[in-house]
């Protein structure tokens, strides 16, 4: 079998891999992309996109249920779970096909198979256990992503115990649902099923939900979810699952060691993810791992010359937009472009699309204290914003943290309607190293939710107008 030569070969067609491949092609490199399953990766096919499609359906359902506050009358409201799932899968399929078109348009050669490093700048492409191609490249980018963490005794069985994948295509609406883990994935699914009427219980080992978020925001989210009927058990773990014929009994162990047994129709295990490093030939290279993730420098180089790694396989934060940006950095550095900046993880925004939404960037208040920084905090409630009240979304808050001495934006934290769309304003400001006066002197349009971003900055310096 002859070897096919390329300038860059990318293993993995997710949001990191396909973006890296397209950018490399734009820079006039000869590029190949190897993908074993679906273009778009987990994010597009079984993660970010289809979950947002599901959540949009539950959002519309919620609005319809509360139509009377808008002077509207809706009777006989029902939902069709199969149609909701069908719409979600259709959205994912449409976008996956679009990525195939973009790769073709940019003349990226796509190989359908499993990529495996062979050392010395070579890799094999396997399909159904057989080598179908041998490729060589001066630069090989690993973008193999990650998969759901499976804990012994909590293995997904396609019936009672689900990971995110099974939860995306439910065959039935659970009457009672247990969600183990309150990170973004767990809380989003909990929010979706709770809105559609399931009796949802969330168990979290930490002392608060969405533990990576600012504690004040976390507390507000918990209050909102409990108000919606969700049950939240913190500082606890599920130590065992007993499967019966029609239900699962969970052993929920508290901090005091006491165990409470509760029965559920379904269980969603959302206890993290594991990098896909097995079977890709790392043993034939000098690539090093740290707790299962590939170690890279700021420009995504590994310890193996000519081998790079981007996205979830390199560790937290496990976010699609982080993977895409790493792909750009990696390729532009390979191409020798000037002014390529290394990844600054503190400028990566995080978004959780539950109801209400949560979004953040930078340091939490607790993290700023731990660093010994002197800072100012500004807050502005949704209740003080005309657009929020007009939308019927008066619950939420925008919180900003500034360095007391320099005026640097250290962090921004939001909860409420559409905050996942607003956070980018603070991300730009943080990336551009803007200070408080830059935000203060910016004119925000009225009436918009974004005015709260302005007011929160003003509040940090005792200048808020509407609060």
Protein backbone atom coordinates (compact mmCIF):
# COMPACT_ATOMS: atom_id res chain seq x y z
CA UNK A 1 0.00 0.00 0.00
CA UNK A 2 1.48 3.33 -1.05
CA UNK A 3 1.80 6.16 1.45
CA UNK A 4 -0.11 9.37 0.79
CA UNK A 5 1.76 12.52 1.77
CA UNK A 6 0.28 15.65 3.29
CA UNK A 7 1.53 18.79 5.01
CA UNK A 8 -0.96 18.39 7.87
CA UNK A 9 -3.08 15.43 8.95
CA UNK A 10 -5.76 15.97 11.58
CA UNK A 11 -7.10 12.98 13.51
CA UNK A 12 -10.65 13.76 14.60
CA UNK A 13 -13.36 15.79 12.86
CA UNK A 14 -14.94 17.54 15.84
CA UNK A 15 -15.05 21.30 16.49
CA UNK A 16 -11.29 21.34 17.03
CA UNK A 17 -10.28 19.04 14.20
CA UNK A 18 -12.41 20.29 11.34
CA UNK A 19 -11.63 23.94 12.17
CA UNK A 20 -7.90 23.18 12.25
CA UNK A 21 -8.16 21.38 8.90
CA UNK A 22 -10.02 24.23 7.21
CA UNK A 23 -7.64 26.88 8.57
CA UNK A 24 -4.63 24.85 7.40
CA UNK A 25 -6.17 24.58 3.92
CA UNK A 26 -6.76 28.35 3.89
CA UNK A 27 -3.04 28.75 4.55
CA UNK A 28 -2.28 26.74 1.39
CA UNK A 29 -1.30 23.50 3.07
CA UNK A 30 -2.18 20.07 1.73
CA UNK A 31 -4.52 18.73 4.42
CA UNK A 32 -6.15 15.44 5.34
CA UNK A 33 -8.71 14.81 8.06
CA UNK A 34 -9.35 11.34 9.52
CA UNK A 35 -12.70 10.76 11.22
CA UNK A 36 -14.01 7.40 12.42
CA UNK A 37 -17.63 8.34 13.11
CA UNK A 38 -19.39 11.63 12.32
CA UNK A 39 -18.04 14.94 11.07
CA UNK A 40 -18.66 17.51 13.77
CA UNK A 41 -17.69 15.11 16.53
CA UNK A 42 -19.55 14.63 19.81
CA UNK A 43 -20.38 18.34 20.09
CA UNK A 44 -22.37 18.60 16.92
CA UNK A 45 -23.82 15.10 16.79
CA UNK A 46 -24.28 14.11 20.43
CA UNK A 47 -23.56 17.19 22.54
CA UNK A 48 -23.75 20.95 22.21
CA UNK A 49 -26.06 21.26 19.22
CA UNK A 50 -28.70 18.55 19.76
CA UNK A 51 -28.99 19.39 23.47
CA UNK A 52 -29.68 23.02 22.57
CA UNK A 53 -32.36 21.84 20.16
CA UNK A 54 -33.99 19.85 22.97
CA UNK A 55 -33.72 22.76 25.37
CA UNK A 56 -35.30 25.11 22.83
CA UNK A 57 -38.33 22.78 22.70
CA UNK A 58 -38.64 22.82 26.48
CA UNK A 59 -38.26 26.61 26.47
CA UNK A 60 -41.13 26.98 24.01
CA UNK A 61 -43.19 24.56 26.11
CA UNK A 62 -42.46 26.64 29.22
CA UNK A 63 -43.49 29.86 27.45
CA UNK A 64 -46.70 28.28 26.20
CA UNK A 65 -47.53 27.11 29.71
CA UNK A 66 -47.11 30.67 30.94
CA UNK A 67 -48.93 32.30 28.02
CA UNK A 68 -51.56 33.91 30.25
CA UNK A 69 -49.08 36.42 31.63
CA UNK A 70 -48.75 37.72 28.06
CA UNK A 71 -52.52 37.94 27.58
CA UNK A 72 -52.65 34.76 25.51
CA UNK A 73 -54.83 31.70 25.98
CA UNK A 74 -53.59 28.22 25.04
CA UNK A 75 -55.64 25.12 25.79
CA UNK A 76 -54.92 21.44 25.30
CA UNK A 77 -51.15 21.91 25.31
CA UNK A 78 -49.23 18.65 24.85
CA UNK A 79 -45.82 17.55 23.63
CA UNK A 80 -44.70 14.67 21.42
CA UNK A 81 -41.37 13.37 22.73
CA UNK A 82 -40.59 11.48 19.52
CA UNK A 83 -41.07 14.67 17.48
CA UNK A 84 -38.85 16.62 19.88
CA UNK A 85 -36.10 14.02 19.48
CA UNK A 86 -36.63 13.91 15.71
CA UNK A 87 -36.17 17.68 15.46
CA UNK A 88 -33.00 17.52 17.55
CA UNK A 89 -31.49 14.77 15.40
CA UNK A 90 -32.46 16.67 12.24
CA UNK A 91 -30.64 19.78 13.40
CA UNK A 92 -27.50 17.74 14.10
CA UNK A 93 -27.70 15.96 10.73
CA UNK A 94 -28.08 19.23 8.84
CA UNK A 95 -25.01 20.77 10.45
CA UNK A 96 -22.89 17.63 10.08
CA UNK A 97 -23.63 17.65 6.36
CA UNK A 98 -22.68 21.32 6.26
CA UNK A 99 -19.24 20.55 7.69
CA UNK A 100 -18.69 17.96 4.98
CA UNK A 101 -19.46 20.65 2.41
CA UNK A 102 -17.04 23.11 4.02
CA UNK A 103 -14.23 20.55 4.03
CA UNK A 104 -14.85 19.73 0.38
CA UNK A 105 -15.01 23.42 -0.50
CA UNK A 106 -11.61 23.95 1.13
CA UNK A 107 -10.14 20.89 -0.61
CA UNK A 108 -9.51 18.94 2.59
CA UNK A 109 -9.16 15.21 1.90
CA UNK A 110 -11.38 13.29 4.32
CA UNK A 111 -10.65 9.70 5.27
CA UNK A 112 -13.43 7.64 6.83
CA UNK A 113 -11.68 5.55 9.43
CA UNK A 114 -9.75 5.40 12.72
CA UNK A 115 -6.41 7.21 12.74
CA UNK A 116 -3.47 5.62 14.53
CA UNK A 117 0.06 7.02 14.92
CA UNK A 118 2.87 4.84 13.64
CA UNK A 119 5.76 7.11 14.62
CA UNK A 120 8.12 9.05 12.39
CA UNK A 121 5.40 11.27 10.94
CA UNK A 122 3.30 8.34 9.71
CA UNK A 123 -0.17 7.10 10.62
CA UNK A 124 -2.53 4.40 9.50
CA UNK A 125 -6.24 4.69 8.80
CA UNK A 126 -8.21 1.65 9.90
CA UNK A 127 -11.75 0.60 9.01
CA UNK A 128 -13.43 -2.48 10.47
CA UNK A 129 -10.10 -3.56 11.93
CA UNK A 130 -8.21 -3.38 8.61
CA UNK A 131 -5.69 -0.77 7.47
CA UNK A 132 -7.16 0.99 4.45
CA UNK A 133 -4.67 3.86 4.07
CA UNK A 134 -1.19 4.88 5.18
CA UNK A 135 -0.54 8.61 5.50
CA UNK A 136 2.51 10.72 6.24
CA UNK A 137 2.77 14.34 7.29
CA UNK A 138 5.28 16.75 8.77
CA UNK A 139 2.55 17.87 11.17
CA UNK A 140 -0.06 15.63 12.81
CA UNK A 141 -2.78 17.15 14.99
CA UNK A 142 -4.59 14.94 17.50
CA UNK A 143 -8.18 16.09 18.01
CA UNK A 144 -9.67 12.83 19.25
CA UNK A 145 -11.94 14.38 21.89
CA UNK A 146 -13.37 12.60 24.90
CA UNK A 147 -16.16 10.28 25.98
CA UNK A 148 -18.46 10.04 29.00
CA UNK A 149 -16.79 8.79 32.15
CA UNK A 150 -18.25 5.43 33.18
CA UNK A 151 -18.07 4.41 36.82
CA UNK A 152 -18.18 0.67 37.63
CA UNK A 153 -21.69 -0.21 38.73
CA UNK A 154 -23.14 2.74 36.83
CA UNK A 155 -22.56 1.50 33.28
CA UNK A 156 -25.17 2.72 30.76
CA UNK A 157 -27.47 -0.12 29.82
CA UNK A 158 -29.69 1.60 27.26
CA UNK A 159 -32.70 1.22 29.52
CA UNK A 160 -32.40 2.38 33.12
CA UNK A 161 -29.00 4.11 33.15
CA UNK A 162 -28.17 6.76 30.54
CA UNK A 163 -25.18 8.86 29.59
CA UNK A 164 -25.72 12.07 27.61
CA UNK A 165 -26.03 10.00 24.44
CA UNK A 166 -28.98 7.92 25.62
CA UNK A 167 -30.55 11.00 27.22
CA UNK A 168 -30.57 12.72 23.81
CA UNK A 169 -32.80 10.03 22.30
CA UNK A 170 -35.11 8.99 25.16
CA UNK A 171 -37.62 6.31 24.30
CA UNK A 172 -39.93 7.51 27.06
CA UNK A 173 -40.48 10.49 29.32
CA UNK A 174 -39.34 9.43 32.81
CA UNK A 175 -41.81 10.02 35.61
CA UNK A 176 -38.97 10.09 38.14
CA UNK A 177 -35.45 10.91 36.97
CA UNK A 178 -32.16 10.91 38.89
CA UNK A 179 -29.30 13.01 37.53
CA UNK A 180 -25.88 12.24 39.03
CA UNK A 181 -23.66 15.31 38.70
CA UNK A 182 -24.57 18.97 38.42
CA UNK A 183 -22.06 20.24 35.90
CA UNK A 184 -23.28 21.81 32.66
CA UNK A 185 -24.32 18.48 31.09
CA UNK A 186 -26.19 17.23 34.14
CA UNK A 187 -27.99 20.50 34.84
CA UNK A 188 -29.02 20.99 31.20
CA UNK A 189 -30.64 17.55 31.03
CA UNK A 190 -32.20 18.04 34.46
CA UNK A 191 -33.68 21.34 33.26
CA UNK A 192 -35.01 19.82 30.02
CA UNK A 193 -36.78 16.87 31.64
CA UNK A 194 -38.01 18.92 34.61
CA UNK A 195 -39.60 21.51 32.30
CA UNK A 196 -41.44 18.76 30.44
CA UNK A 197 -42.90 17.43 33.67
CA UNK A 198 -40.53 14.79 35.01
CA UNK A 199 -39.92 14.61 38.76
CA UNK A 200 -36.19 15.34 38.75
CA UNK A 201 -33.65 14.82 41.53
CA UNK A 202 -30.03 16.00 41.16
CA UNK A 203 -27.28 14.59 43.37
CA UNK A 204 -24.01 16.54 43.57
CA UNK A 205 -20.89 15.56 45.56
CA UNK A 206 -19.77 19.17 46.04
CA UNK A 207 -21.47 21.59 48.41
CA UNK A 208 -23.18 23.45 45.55
CA UNK A 209 -24.40 22.87 42.01
CA UNK A 210 -22.48 24.00 38.89
CA UNK A 211 -19.42 24.13 41.17
CA UNK A 212 -17.12 25.80 38.63
CA UNK A 213 -19.34 28.89 38.65
CA UNK A 214 -19.28 31.81 41.08
CA UNK A 215 -20.86 30.75 44.38
CA UNK A 216 -23.42 33.57 44.30
CA UNK A 217 -24.58 32.55 40.82
CA UNK A 218 -24.67 28.91 41.85
CA UNK A 219 -26.92 29.76 44.78
CA UNK A 220 -29.30 31.76 42.59
CA UNK A 221 -29.54 28.90 40.08
CA UNK A 222 -30.31 26.38 42.80
CA UNK A 223 -33.06 28.62 44.17
CA UNK A 224 -34.58 29.00 40.68
CA UNK A 225 -34.48 25.26 39.92
CA UNK A 226 -35.98 24.32 43.28
CA UNK A 227 -38.75 26.87 42.66
CA UNK A 228 -39.44 25.03 39.39
CA UNK A 229 -39.92 21.79 41.34
CA UNK A 230 -36.49 20.20 41.04
CA UNK A 231 -35.00 18.38 44.04
CA UNK A 232 -31.31 19.00 44.68
CA UNK A 233 -29.17 16.98 47.10
CA UNK A 234 -25.69 18.44 47.69
CA UNK A 235 -22.67 17.03 49.48
CA UNK A 236 -23.82 13.52 48.66
CA UNK A 237 -23.01 10.64 46.35
CA UNK A 238 -24.85 7.75 44.79
CA UNK A 239 -22.98 4.75 46.16
CA UNK A 240 -24.99 2.01 44.48
CA UNK A 241 -27.77 1.32 41.97
CA UNK A 242 -30.10 -1.66 42.34
CA UNK A 243 -31.92 -2.44 39.10
CA UNK A 244 -35.36 -3.98 39.26
CA UNK A 245 -37.75 -4.95 36.50
CA UNK A 246 -39.34 -1.52 36.11
CA UNK A 247 -37.18 0.86 38.17
CA UNK A 248 -33.79 1.58 39.72
CA UNK A 249 -33.19 2.05 43.44
CA UNK A 250 -30.41 4.52 44.19
CA UNK A 251 -28.44 4.44 47.43
CA UNK A 252 -27.80 8.13 48.17
CA UNK A 253 -25.10 8.61 50.80
CA UNK A 254 -24.81 11.94 52.63
CA UNK A 255 -21.79 13.56 54.25
CA UNK A 256 -22.72 11.92 57.54
CA UNK A 257 -22.54 8.48 55.96
CA UNK A 258 -26.26 7.87 56.22
CA UNK A 259 -27.80 6.20 53.19
CA UNK A 260 -31.24 6.98 51.82
CA UNK A 261 -32.84 4.75 49.20
CA UNK A 262 -34.97 6.27 46.44
CA UNK A 263 -36.47 4.67 43.34
CA UNK A 264 -36.39 6.18 39.84
CA UNK A 265 -37.53 5.29 36.31
CA UNK A 266 -34.26 6.43 34.76
CA UNK A 267 -30.80 7.60 35.85
CA UNK A 268 -28.52 9.98 33.93
CA UNK A 269 -24.84 9.66 34.85
CA UNK A 270 -23.12 12.99 34.20
CA UNK A 271 -19.93 12.59 36.21
CA UNK A 272 -17.40 13.92 33.73
CA UNK A 273 -15.55 12.81 30.64
CA UNK A 274 -12.41 10.83 29.75
CA UNK A 275 -9.96 11.75 27.00
CA UNK A 276 -9.83 9.47 23.94
CA UNK A 277 -6.17 8.45 24.04
CA UNK A 278 -6.48 4.68 23.86
CA UNK A 279 -5.52 2.91 20.66
CA UNK A 280 -4.22 5.96 18.79
CA UNK A 281 -0.57 4.90 18.89
CA UNK A 282 0.78 7.19 21.61
CA UNK A 283 3.07 4.41 22.80
CA UNK A 284 5.06 4.84 19.60
CA UNK A 285 5.75 8.50 20.40
CA UNK A 286 7.16 10.72 23.15
CA UNK A 287 3.73 12.19 23.87
CA UNK A 288 3.17 12.53 27.62
CA UNK A 289 -0.05 12.27 29.58
CA UNK A 290 -1.21 13.89 32.80
CA UNK A 291 -4.19 12.16 34.45
CA UNK A 292 -5.20 10.77 31.08
CA UNK A 293 -4.90 14.00 29.10
CA UNK A 294 -2.22 14.89 26.55
CA UNK A 295 0.30 17.48 27.76
CA UNK A 296 0.98 20.38 25.37
CA UNK A 297 2.62 23.79 25.47
CA UNK A 298 0.77 27.04 24.84
CA UNK A 299 0.90 26.45 21.09
CA UNK A 300 -0.42 22.86 21.44
CA UNK A 301 2.87 21.08 20.76
CA UNK A 302 3.41 17.71 22.45
CA UNK A 303 6.78 16.23 23.39
CA UNK A 304 6.80 14.31 20.09
CA UNK A 305 8.23 16.46 17.26
CA UNK A 306 5.57 17.19 14.65
CA UNK A 307 2.69 15.97 16.83
CA UNK A 308 0.17 18.39 18.35
CA UNK A 309 -3.02 17.98 20.38
CA UNK A 310 -6.11 20.18 20.70
CA UNK A 311 -9.53 20.11 22.35
CA UNK A 312 -10.94 17.79 25.00
CA UNK A 313 -8.05 15.32 24.68
CA UNK A 314 -5.80 18.00 26.27
CA UNK A 315 -8.00 18.57 29.32
CA UNK A 316 -10.24 21.24 30.83
CA UNK A 317 -12.12 23.31 30.05
CA UNK A 318 -13.96 20.75 27.92
CA UNK A 319 -15.61 23.22 25.56
CA UNK A 320 -16.11 23.21 21.80
CA UNK A 321 -15.07 26.84 21.38
CA UNK A 322 -11.86 26.18 23.28
CA UNK A 323 -11.09 23.30 20.89
CA UNK A 324 -11.77 25.42 17.81
CA UNK A 325 -9.56 28.25 19.04
CA UNK A 326 -6.76 25.83 19.87
CA UNK A 327 -7.03 24.49 16.33
CA UNK A 328 -6.52 27.99 14.93
CA UNK A 329 -3.57 28.71 17.25
CA UNK A 330 -1.93 25.39 16.42
CA UNK A 331 -2.22 25.71 12.65
CA UNK A 332 -1.19 29.37 12.49
CA UNK A 333 1.89 28.59 14.59
CA UNK A 334 2.73 25.71 12.25
CA UNK A 335 2.38 28.09 9.31
CA UNK A 336 4.81 30.52 10.94
CA UNK A 337 2.41 33.43 11.10
CA UNK A 338 3.41 36.42 13.17
CA UNK A 339 1.50 37.54 16.27
CA UNK A 340 0.14 34.10 17.17
CA UNK A 341 -0.85 34.22 20.84
CA UNK A 342 -0.82 31.15 23.08
CA UNK A 343 -4.11 29.99 24.55
CA UNK A 344 -5.25 32.07 27.55
CA UNK A 345 -7.70 29.83 29.36
CA UNK A 346 -8.93 32.60 31.67
CA UNK A 347 -10.50 34.29 28.63
CA UNK A 348 -12.59 31.26 27.67
CA UNK A 349 -16.29 31.75 28.45
CA UNK A 350 -18.44 29.04 29.95
CA UNK A 351 -22.16 28.68 29.20
CA UNK A 352 -24.89 26.49 30.68
CA UNK A 353 -28.18 26.47 28.78
CA UNK A 354 -30.58 25.51 31.54
CA UNK A 355 -33.50 27.74 32.53
CA UNK A 356 -32.35 30.26 33.70
CA UNK A 357 -29.14 30.34 31.67
CA UNK A 358 -25.70 30.77 33.24
CA UNK A 359 -22.63 32.32 31.61
CA UNK A 360 -19.23 33.41 32.89
CA UNK A 361 -15.65 34.33 32.07
CA UNK A 362 -12.58 34.83 34.24
CA UNK A 363 -12.15 34.67 37.99
CA UNK A 364 -14.93 34.00 40.45
CA UNK A 365 -15.08 36.16 43.57
CA UNK A 366 -13.65 33.29 45.63
CA UNK A 367 -10.77 32.77 43.17
CA UNK A 368 -9.91 36.48 43.28
CA UNK A 369 -9.76 36.28 47.08
CA UNK A 370 -7.55 33.19 46.93
CA UNK A 371 -5.12 35.08 44.72
CA UNK A 372 -4.93 37.83 47.30
CA UNK A 373 -6.28 40.44 44.90
CA UNK A 374 -8.03 43.61 45.99
CA UNK A 375 -11.12 44.03 43.86
CA UNK A 376 -14.44 45.74 43.39
CA UNK A 377 -17.70 43.88 42.72
CA UNK A 378 -20.67 45.24 40.79
CA UNK A 379 -24.13 43.69 40.52
CA UNK A 380 -27.28 44.50 38.63
CA UNK A 381 -30.55 42.53 38.88
CA UNK A 382 -32.77 41.65 35.95
CA UNK A 383 -35.64 43.17 37.93
CA UNK A 384 -34.13 46.62 37.30
CA UNK A 385 -34.05 46.19 33.51
CA UNK A 386 -36.98 47.26 31.32
CA UNK A 387 -36.33 44.72 28.56
CA UNK A 388 -36.17 41.83 31.06
CA UNK A 389 -39.50 42.85 32.58
CA UNK A 390 -41.07 43.23 29.12
CA UNK A 391 -39.85 39.75 28.21
CA UNK A 392 -41.39 38.33 31.38
CA UNK A 393 -37.92 37.32 32.58
CA UNK A 394 -37.32 39.42 35.72
CA UNK A 395 -35.15 36.88 37.56
CA UNK A 396 -31.39 37.01 37.20
CA UNK A 397 -28.27 39.06 37.77
CA UNK A 398 -25.12 40.36 36.11
CA UNK A 399 -22.03 40.40 38.34
CA UNK A 400 -18.66 41.94 37.49
CA UNK A 401 -15.32 41.85 39.31
CA UNK A 402 -12.62 44.49 38.72
CA UNK A 403 -9.07 44.85 39.99
CA UNK A 404 -9.19 47.71 42.48
CA UNK A 405 -5.80 49.13 41.48
CA UNK A 406 -5.73 48.73 37.69
CA UNK A 407 -9.43 48.61 36.76
CA UNK A 408 -8.84 45.34 34.87
CA UNK A 409 -11.92 43.14 34.40
CA UNK A 410 -11.10 40.02 36.41
CA UNK A 411 -14.36 38.15 35.91
CA UNK A 412 -17.98 38.41 34.84
CA UNK A 413 -20.82 36.12 35.92
CA UNK A 414 -24.41 36.10 34.75
CA UNK A 415 -27.64 34.25 35.36
CA UNK A 416 -30.90 34.88 33.52
CA UNK A 417 -32.50 35.00 30.09
CA UNK A 418 -30.10 35.03 27.12
CA UNK A 419 -26.96 35.57 29.19
CA UNK A 420 -25.15 33.02 27.02
CA UNK A 421 -25.51 35.53 24.17
CA UNK A 422 -24.41 38.52 26.27
CA UNK A 423 -21.25 37.10 27.86
CA UNK A 424 -19.22 37.67 24.69
CA UNK A 425 -19.21 41.41 25.36
CA UNK A 426 -17.20 40.82 28.50
CA UNK A 427 -15.03 38.20 26.76
CA UNK A 428 -14.00 40.77 24.15
CA UNK A 429 -13.32 43.30 26.89
CA UNK A 430 -11.23 40.85 28.86
CA UNK A 431 -9.28 39.67 25.81
CA UNK A 432 -8.59 43.29 24.81
CA UNK A 433 -7.55 44.08 28.41
CA UNK A 434 -10.12 46.84 28.73
CA UNK A 435 -10.52 48.63 32.06
CA UNK A 436 -13.62 49.86 33.87
CA UNK A 437 -13.65 53.23 32.08
CA UNK A 438 -13.79 51.54 28.68
CA UNK A 439 -17.01 49.79 29.70
CA UNK A 440 -18.39 52.91 31.37
CA UNK A 441 -17.84 55.05 28.28
CA UNK A 442 -19.43 52.51 25.94
CA UNK A 443 -22.99 53.35 24.87
CA UNK A 444 -25.31 50.36 25.33
CA UNK A 445 -28.57 50.36 23.31
CA UNK A 446 -31.92 50.80 25.04
CA UNK A 447 -34.02 48.85 25.70
CA UNK A 448 -31.82 45.75 25.80
CA UNK A 449 -30.70 43.17 28.31
CA UNK A 450 -27.14 44.30 27.59
CA UNK A 451 -27.77 47.51 29.54
CA UNK A 452 -27.37 45.41 32.68
CA UNK A 453 -23.76 44.76 31.66
CA UNK A 454 -23.18 48.52 31.73
CA UNK A 455 -25.03 49.02 35.01
CA UNK A 456 -23.09 46.22 36.71
CA UNK A 457 -19.80 47.94 35.84
CA UNK A 458 -21.16 51.25 37.10
CA UNK A 459 -22.31 49.59 40.31
CA UNK A 460 -18.80 48.32 41.02
CA UNK A 461 -17.75 51.96 41.28
CA UNK A 462 -20.86 53.33 42.99
CA UNK A 463 -22.26 54.89 39.83
CA UNK A 464 -25.24 52.67 38.95
CA UNK A 465 -28.20 54.72 37.70
CA UNK A 466 -31.15 52.31 37.87
CA UNK A 467 -30.37 50.44 41.07
